[in-house]
Amino acid sequence: MPVPLFATSLDAYQDQIAERLSAVAASGRYILGPEVTAFENELAEYLGVDHAIGVANGTDALTIALRALGVKAGDEVIVPSFTFYASVEAILNAGALPVFADVDPATMNVTLATVQDKLTDDTRAILPVHLFGNPAPVDELMGLGLPVLEDAAQAIGARRGGRRIGSLGHAATFSFFPSKNLGGLGDGGAIVTNEPQVAEAARRLRFHGSADKVTYTDVGYNSRLDELQAAVLRLLLPELDGWNDARRASARAYEDAGIRRYAEPQLVDPGDEPVYHLYVVRSDAADALAQRLEQAGIGVRGYYRTPVHLQPAMAGLGGDRIELPGTMEAARTHLALPMGTQLSREQVDAVVAACASGST
């Protein structure tokens, strides 16, 4: 049974999406209009935060949020290397220096200990990533007394300690890229915070550094969430919890089908509620497992096989001289298996059966 890596579809919403897009087109309001304002309010309410600021994409969200938190040129920002490139790219675009912290290969997230190991007198912020939708220990990192910016691009709707991811740190960022748990029809992002001064700075920076379109107090960005995207995201946001529940049900189905006989699922801390943007497992025989799955028509992929600190653009920051054993283990051993809102139990069983094929 062929099984796609991403088992999702918006087919059931196409008529409603078309109506929303037509309404925006007819309104004549295309930039920072009522749809963006309404979506920002609805997103803030959903996450339990005071402010949400829509921007053009998740990468801009990170860069703008860092600057809004006071990060300046030459400051150090602690970040994992086992993450999407944008988490680090945004730090450099803000003029700061990324300092790479190791991860626990089981959770694939930074820990309090790995972050503490990288603290210096020049550390000005910490940027934990809720990787693959698995909550990072932001609550523990908040005790270090530094600004904490959650990279929640893959984790919208997740909870830690009963609180929504995005409400734990001083600020957080989200991506609405189409493949995300809450995805639009193109690029989009948001910054959220409970701190009014951070929200005010983010709103200025997204609009060329101006609060009134007349006086420019900062060198900012042209980075605004489109009215068209906001209209679609408003339609889909009420569906998010149900979609995430479906992903959690598929994760439980993998467990019930015996996935642990062939690979170890990403470890979830007790009490956390991940959202399984991807269903990621670990195996010392990851390449052989991937080959079996591919031969059976099963979608499978290794993400971040080359961690960010080893990417060519990062050579000047230390490269292979940086020792990150947990990062290297996670990069070598992980695989993403099929996941999505429409993944059936039969498809999960087919994936696990393919894992068993040829195994000893």
Protein backbone atom coordinates (compact mmCIF):
# COMPACT_ATOMS: atom_id res chain seq x y z
CA MET A 1 0.00 0.00 0.00
CA PRO A 2 1.66 3.29 -1.08
CA VAL A 3 1.57 5.83 1.76
CA PRO A 4 2.58 9.49 1.29
CA LEU A 5 4.85 11.20 3.79
CA PHE A 6 2.33 14.03 4.19
CA ALA A 7 -1.21 12.65 4.47
CA THR A 8 -3.07 15.97 4.40
CA SER A 9 -5.46 17.78 2.09
CA LEU A 10 -7.56 20.95 1.98
CA ASP A 11 -9.89 19.56 -0.69
CA ALA A 12 -12.90 19.70 1.64
CA TYR A 13 -12.39 23.43 2.19
CA GLN A 14 -11.91 24.60 -1.38
CA ASP A 15 -15.37 26.15 -1.79
CA GLN A 16 -15.09 28.06 1.48
CA ILE A 17 -11.55 29.15 0.63
CA ALA A 18 -12.73 30.45 -2.75
CA GLU A 19 -15.49 32.45 -1.04
CA ARG A 20 -13.00 34.01 1.41
CA LEU A 21 -10.56 34.93 -1.35
CA SER A 22 -13.30 36.43 -3.51
CA ALA A 23 -14.54 38.52 -0.59
CA VAL A 24 -11.07 39.94 0.03
CA ALA A 25 -10.60 40.66 -3.68
CA ALA A 26 -13.91 42.52 -3.76
CA SER A 27 -13.15 44.48 -0.59
CA GLY A 28 -10.27 46.48 -2.01
CA ARG A 29 -8.37 46.03 1.28
CA TYR A 30 -5.24 43.98 0.62
CA ILE A 31 -2.55 45.09 3.10
CA LEU A 32 -2.95 45.15 6.91
CA GLY A 33 -6.70 45.25 6.63
CA PRO A 34 -9.55 43.79 8.70
CA GLU A 35 -8.74 40.14 7.93
CA VAL A 36 -5.21 40.49 9.34
CA THR A 37 -6.46 42.32 12.42
CA ALA A 38 -9.15 39.70 13.04
CA PHE A 39 -6.72 36.82 12.55
CA GLU A 40 -4.20 38.40 14.91
CA ASN A 41 -6.89 38.71 17.58
CA GLU A 42 -8.14 35.17 17.06
CA LEU A 43 -4.63 33.70 17.11
CA ALA A 44 -3.78 35.57 20.31
CA GLU A 45 -6.95 34.29 21.96
CA TYR A 46 -6.25 30.71 20.82
CA LEU A 47 -2.70 30.77 22.20
CA GLY A 48 -3.56 32.64 25.40
CA VAL A 49 -1.31 35.63 24.72
CA ASP A 50 -1.95 39.36 24.61
CA HIS A 51 -0.47 40.23 21.22
CA ALA A 52 -0.08 38.60 17.79
CA ILE A 53 1.62 40.33 14.88
CA GLY A 54 1.25 38.89 11.39
CA VAL A 55 4.32 38.98 9.15
CA ALA A 56 5.29 37.68 5.72
CA ASN A 57 6.87 34.38 6.78
CA GLY A 58 8.29 32.44 9.69
CA THR A 59 11.89 33.45 9.02
CA ASP A 60 11.07 37.16 9.11
CA ALA A 61 9.12 36.48 12.29
CA LEU A 62 12.27 35.19 13.98
CA THR A 63 14.48 38.06 12.81
CA ILE A 64 11.96 40.72 13.76
CA ALA A 65 11.20 39.10 17.12
CA LEU A 66 14.90 38.94 18.02
CA ARG A 67 15.29 42.63 17.29
CA ALA A 68 12.07 43.45 19.15
CA LEU A 69 13.51 41.63 22.17
CA GLY A 70 16.55 43.92 22.06
CA VAL A 71 19.08 41.65 20.36
CA LYS A 72 21.73 43.78 18.65
CA ALA A 73 24.77 43.37 16.43
CA GLY A 74 27.44 41.25 18.07
CA ASP A 75 25.12 39.73 20.68
CA GLU A 76 25.16 35.97 21.13
CA VAL A 77 21.98 33.92 20.77
CA ILE A 78 21.95 30.27 21.84
CA VAL A 79 20.20 27.99 19.35
CA PRO A 80 20.24 24.29 18.44
CA SER A 81 22.05 23.18 15.31
CA PHE A 82 19.59 20.31 14.78
CA THR A 83 16.86 22.47 13.29
CA PHE A 84 15.77 24.03 10.03
CA TYR A 85 18.36 26.46 8.67
CA ALA A 86 16.09 29.48 9.17
CA SER A 87 16.34 29.25 12.96
CA VAL A 88 20.01 30.20 12.67
CA GLU A 89 19.78 32.32 9.53
CA ALA A 90 17.40 34.68 11.34
CA ILE A 91 19.94 35.29 14.10
CA LEU A 92 22.56 36.32 11.56
CA ASN A 93 20.04 38.48 9.71
CA ALA A 94 19.41 40.29 13.00
CA GLY A 95 23.15 41.01 13.20
CA ALA A 96 23.75 38.63 16.09
CA LEU A 97 25.96 35.55 16.46
CA PRO A 98 24.49 32.05 16.80
CA VAL A 99 26.00 29.86 19.50
CA PHE A 100 25.12 26.22 18.92
CA ALA A 101 23.75 24.19 21.83
CA ASP A 102 23.52 20.42 21.76
CA VAL A 103 20.25 18.50 21.90
CA ASP A 104 19.06 15.44 23.74
CA PRO A 105 18.91 12.91 20.87
CA ALA A 106 15.83 11.31 22.42
CA THR A 107 13.68 14.47 22.54
CA MET A 108 15.70 16.15 19.75
CA ASN A 109 15.41 19.43 21.69
CA VAL A 110 17.85 21.52 23.69
CA THR A 111 17.91 20.99 27.45
CA LEU A 112 18.60 23.29 30.37
CA ALA A 113 22.04 21.70 30.73
CA THR A 114 23.02 22.04 27.06
CA VAL A 115 22.00 25.70 27.05
CA GLN A 116 23.78 26.44 30.34
CA ASP A 117 26.93 24.95 28.83
CA LYS A 118 26.92 27.68 26.16
CA LEU A 119 26.20 30.74 28.31
CA THR A 120 28.73 33.58 28.19
CA ASP A 121 28.79 37.21 29.24
CA ASP A 122 27.72 38.06 25.68
CA THR A 123 24.61 35.85 25.64
CA ARG A 124 21.58 38.04 25.07
CA ALA A 125 18.85 35.56 24.14
CA ILE A 126 17.95 31.88 23.89
CA LEU A 127 16.11 30.46 20.89
CA PRO A 128 14.76 26.96 21.63
CA VAL A 129 13.01 25.09 18.83
CA HIS A 130 9.96 22.89 19.43
CA LEU A 131 11.28 20.42 16.87
CA PHE A 132 8.81 18.36 14.85
CA GLY A 133 6.04 19.66 17.15
CA ASN A 134 7.61 18.31 20.36
CA PRO A 135 7.67 20.89 23.18
CA ALA A 136 11.09 22.09 24.31
CA PRO A 137 11.71 22.92 28.01
CA VAL A 138 11.02 26.64 27.70
CA ASP A 139 9.75 26.83 31.27
CA GLU A 140 13.14 25.68 32.55
CA LEU A 141 15.03 28.05 30.27
CA MET A 142 13.03 31.02 31.53
CA GLY A 143 14.79 30.61 34.87
CA LEU A 144 18.09 31.68 33.30
CA GLY A 145 17.04 35.33 33.29
CA LEU A 146 17.51 35.95 29.56
CA PRO A 147 14.98 36.67 26.82
CA VAL A 148 13.60 33.39 25.47
CA LEU A 149 12.19 33.32 21.94
CA GLU A 150 10.28 30.14 21.08
CA ASP A 151 10.68 28.91 17.52
CA ALA A 152 7.24 27.33 17.33
CA ALA A 153 7.06 27.04 13.53
CA GLN A 154 6.33 23.31 13.77
CA ALA A 155 4.38 23.27 17.03
CA ILE A 156 1.20 25.35 16.82
CA GLY A 157 -1.39 23.88 19.18
CA ALA A 158 1.07 21.91 21.32
CA ARG A 159 1.02 22.25 25.10
CA ARG A 160 3.54 22.03 27.92
CA GLY A 161 2.36 22.08 31.51
CA GLY A 162 -1.16 22.73 30.24
CA ARG A 163 -0.12 25.94 28.46
CA ARG A 164 -0.01 26.49 24.73
CA ILE A 165 3.37 26.55 23.10
CA GLY A 166 3.93 30.18 22.19
CA SER A 167 2.81 31.46 25.58
CA LEU A 168 5.77 30.13 27.59
CA GLY A 169 8.62 32.45 26.61
CA HIS A 170 9.02 36.19 26.26
CA ALA A 171 7.93 35.86 22.63
CA ALA A 172 7.34 33.15 20.04
CA THR A 173 7.16 32.82 16.27
CA PHE A 174 5.04 30.72 13.95
CA SER A 175 5.10 29.79 10.29
CA PHE A 176 2.03 29.26 8.14
CA PHE A 177 3.89 27.63 5.26
CA PRO A 178 1.45 25.22 3.53
CA SER A 179 3.00 22.08 5.02
CA LYS A 180 2.60 23.28 8.62
CA ASN A 181 -0.15 22.03 10.95
CA LEU A 182 -1.88 25.35 10.32
CA GLY A 183 -0.84 26.22 6.78
CA GLY A 184 -2.03 28.84 4.35
CA LEU A 185 -1.87 29.04 0.59
CA GLY A 186 1.66 30.45 0.59
CA ASP A 187 4.10 32.10 2.95
CA GLY A 188 2.98 33.64 6.22
CA GLY A 189 4.12 33.99 9.80
CA ALA A 190 3.38 35.56 13.16
CA ILE A 191 5.08 36.85 16.29
CA VAL A 192 3.26 36.51 19.60
CA THR A 193 4.07 37.94 23.02
CA ASN A 194 2.60 39.12 26.30
CA GLU A 195 4.98 42.10 26.43
CA PRO A 196 3.50 45.30 24.95
CA GLN A 197 6.88 46.87 24.19
CA VAL A 198 7.93 43.80 22.20
CA ALA A 199 4.65 43.84 20.26
CA GLU A 200 5.01 47.57 19.53
CA ALA A 201 8.57 47.10 18.25
CA ALA A 202 7.53 44.13 16.09
CA ARG A 203 4.71 46.12 14.50
CA ARG A 204 7.12 48.95 13.67
CA LEU A 205 9.77 46.64 12.27
CA ARG A 206 7.36 44.77 10.01
CA PHE A 207 6.44 48.10 8.38
CA HIS A 208 9.82 49.64 7.53
CA GLY A 209 10.43 50.76 11.12
CA SER A 210 7.43 53.08 11.27
CA ALA A 211 4.43 53.22 13.56
CA ASP A 212 2.55 55.85 11.54
CA LYS A 213 3.87 55.51 7.95
CA VAL A 214 5.33 59.00 8.29
CA THR A 215 8.10 58.85 10.89
CA TYR A 216 10.69 56.05 10.61
CA THR A 217 12.42 55.30 13.90
CA ASP A 218 14.09 52.03 12.88
CA VAL A 219 15.54 50.40 9.79
CA GLY A 220 12.91 47.72 9.46
CA TYR A 221 11.44 45.32 6.92
CA ASN A 222 8.63 45.09 4.42
CA SER A 223 7.11 42.01 6.05
CA ARG A 224 3.36 41.87 6.40
CA LEU A 225 0.88 39.01 6.43
CA ASP A 226 -1.38 39.33 3.38
CA GLU A 227 -5.11 39.88 3.76
CA LEU A 228 -5.69 36.89 1.46
CA GLN A 229 -3.61 34.59 3.67
CA ALA A 230 -5.23 35.92 6.85
CA ALA A 231 -8.69 35.24 5.45
CA VAL A 232 -7.78 31.61 4.74
CA LEU A 233 -6.06 31.15 8.10
CA ARG A 234 -9.14 32.49 9.88
CA LEU A 235 -11.18 29.79 8.16
CA LEU A 236 -8.76 27.02 9.13
CA LEU A 237 -7.77 28.01 12.69
CA PRO A 238 -10.98 26.56 14.23
CA GLU A 239 -10.09 23.21 12.64
CA LEU A 240 -6.60 23.08 14.14
CA ASP A 241 -7.34 21.28 17.41
CA GLY A 242 -9.24 18.56 15.59
CA TRP A 243 -6.43 18.16 13.09
CA ASN A 244 -3.87 17.90 15.89
CA ASP A 245 -6.02 15.33 17.68
CA ALA A 246 -5.99 13.27 14.47
CA ARG A 247 -2.19 13.45 14.38
CA ARG A 248 -1.97 12.32 18.01
CA ALA A 249 -4.31 9.44 17.22
CA SER A 250 -2.00 8.37 14.39
CA ALA A 251 0.99 8.53 16.76
CA ARG A 252 -0.88 6.23 19.16
CA ALA A 253 -1.71 3.94 16.22
CA TYR A 254 1.99 3.63 15.43
CA GLU A 255 2.60 2.57 19.03
CA ASP A 256 -0.27 0.08 18.95
CA ALA A 257 1.02 -1.36 15.66
CA GLY A 258 4.41 -2.06 17.24
CA ILE A 259 6.68 0.60 15.79
CA ARG A 260 9.00 0.28 18.80
CA ARG A 261 10.09 -3.14 17.58
CA TYR A 262 11.88 -1.41 14.69
CA ALA A 263 12.57 2.17 15.78
CA GLU A 264 12.30 4.46 18.80
CA PRO A 265 9.78 7.33 18.54
CA GLN A 266 10.85 10.84 19.51
CA LEU A 267 10.67 11.05 23.31
CA VAL A 268 7.91 13.23 24.75
CA ASP A 269 8.38 14.65 28.24
CA PRO A 270 5.68 13.57 30.75
CA GLY A 271 2.60 15.76 30.56
CA ASP A 272 3.54 17.36 27.24
CA GLU A 273 1.11 17.35 24.31
CA PRO A 274 3.02 17.36 21.01
CA VAL A 275 1.31 17.97 17.70
CA TYR A 276 3.38 15.64 15.48
CA HIS A 277 4.12 18.03 12.66
CA LEU A 278 6.25 15.06 11.66
CA TYR A 279 6.28 11.58 13.17
CA VAL A 280 9.97 11.04 13.80
CA VAL A 281 11.70 7.88 14.98
CA ARG A 282 15.31 6.88 15.62
CA SER A 283 17.19 3.78 14.50
CA ASP A 284 20.86 2.88 14.33
CA ALA A 285 19.95 1.31 10.99
CA ALA A 286 18.10 4.35 9.68
CA ASP A 287 19.39 4.06 6.11
CA ALA A 288 18.41 0.40 5.79
CA LEU A 289 15.01 1.12 7.30
CA ALA A 290 14.45 3.97 4.88
CA GLN A 291 15.37 1.72 1.96
CA ARG A 292 12.80 -0.90 3.00
CA LEU A 293 10.10 1.73 3.30
CA GLU A 294 10.91 3.33 -0.03
CA GLN A 295 10.80 -0.05 -1.76
CA ALA A 296 7.30 -0.55 -0.33
CA GLY A 297 6.12 2.83 -1.65
CA ILE A 298 6.17 4.43 1.80
CA GLY A 299 7.09 8.11 2.12
CA VAL A 300 10.11 8.54 4.40
CA ARG A 301 12.69 11.27 4.86
CA GLY A 302 15.64 12.25 6.98
CA TYR A 303 15.56 15.94 7.91
CA TYR A 304 18.61 17.99 8.83
CA ARG A 305 21.06 15.15 8.10
CA THR A 306 23.68 17.90 7.90
CA PRO A 307 23.09 20.06 10.99
CA VAL A 308 23.26 23.81 10.58
CA HIS A 309 26.70 24.24 12.15
CA LEU A 310 28.13 22.02 9.37
CA GLN A 311 26.47 23.88 6.50
CA PRO A 312 28.90 25.71 4.18
CA ALA A 313 27.55 29.15 5.12
CA MET A 314 28.42 28.50 8.78
CA ALA A 315 32.07 27.55 8.22
CA GLY A 316 33.27 30.78 9.84
CA LEU A 317 31.43 29.95 13.07
CA GLY A 318 33.45 26.85 13.92
CA GLY A 319 32.09 24.09 11.69
CA ASP A 320 33.29 20.62 12.63
CA ARG A 321 35.37 22.06 15.48
CA ILE A 322 32.14 22.38 17.47
CA GLU A 323 31.41 19.23 19.48
CA LEU A 324 27.71 18.40 19.51
CA PRO A 325 27.44 14.64 20.05
CA GLY A 326 23.68 14.58 20.69
CA THR A 327 23.08 16.62 17.56
CA MET A 328 25.19 14.29 15.43
CA GLU A 329 23.42 11.22 16.82
CA ALA A 330 19.98 12.70 16.16
CA ALA A 331 20.99 13.73 12.64
CA ARG A 332 22.35 10.27 11.81
CA THR A 333 19.62 8.11 13.32
CA HIS A 334 16.31 9.89 12.75
CA LEU A 335 13.63 9.29 10.11
CA ALA A 336 10.27 10.93 9.50
CA LEU A 337 7.47 8.45 8.80
CA PRO A 338 4.08 9.26 7.22
CA MET A 339 1.90 11.59 9.28
CA GLY A 340 -1.08 13.82 8.64
CA THR A 341 -4.71 14.54 9.35
CA GLN A 342 -5.90 11.90 6.90
CA LEU A 343 -3.54 9.05 7.73
CA SER A 344 -5.61 5.90 8.22
CA ARG A 345 -4.99 3.00 10.60
CA GLU A 346 -4.56 0.75 7.57
CA GLN A 347 -1.82 3.02 6.28
CA VAL A 348 -0.09 3.03 9.67
CA ASP A 349 -0.21 -0.77 9.71
CA ALA A 350 1.28 -0.80 6.21
CA VAL A 351 4.16 1.41 7.35
CA VAL A 352 4.96 -0.81 10.33
CA ALA A 353 4.68 -3.94 8.18
CA ALA A 354 7.17 -2.40 5.76
CA CYS A 355 9.52 -1.72 8.68
CA ALA A 356 9.33 -5.41 9.53
CA SER A 357 10.03 -6.58 5.97
CA GLY A 358 13.56 -7.93 5.75
CA SER A 359 14.38 -7.07 9.38
CA THR A 360 16.05 -9.57 11.67
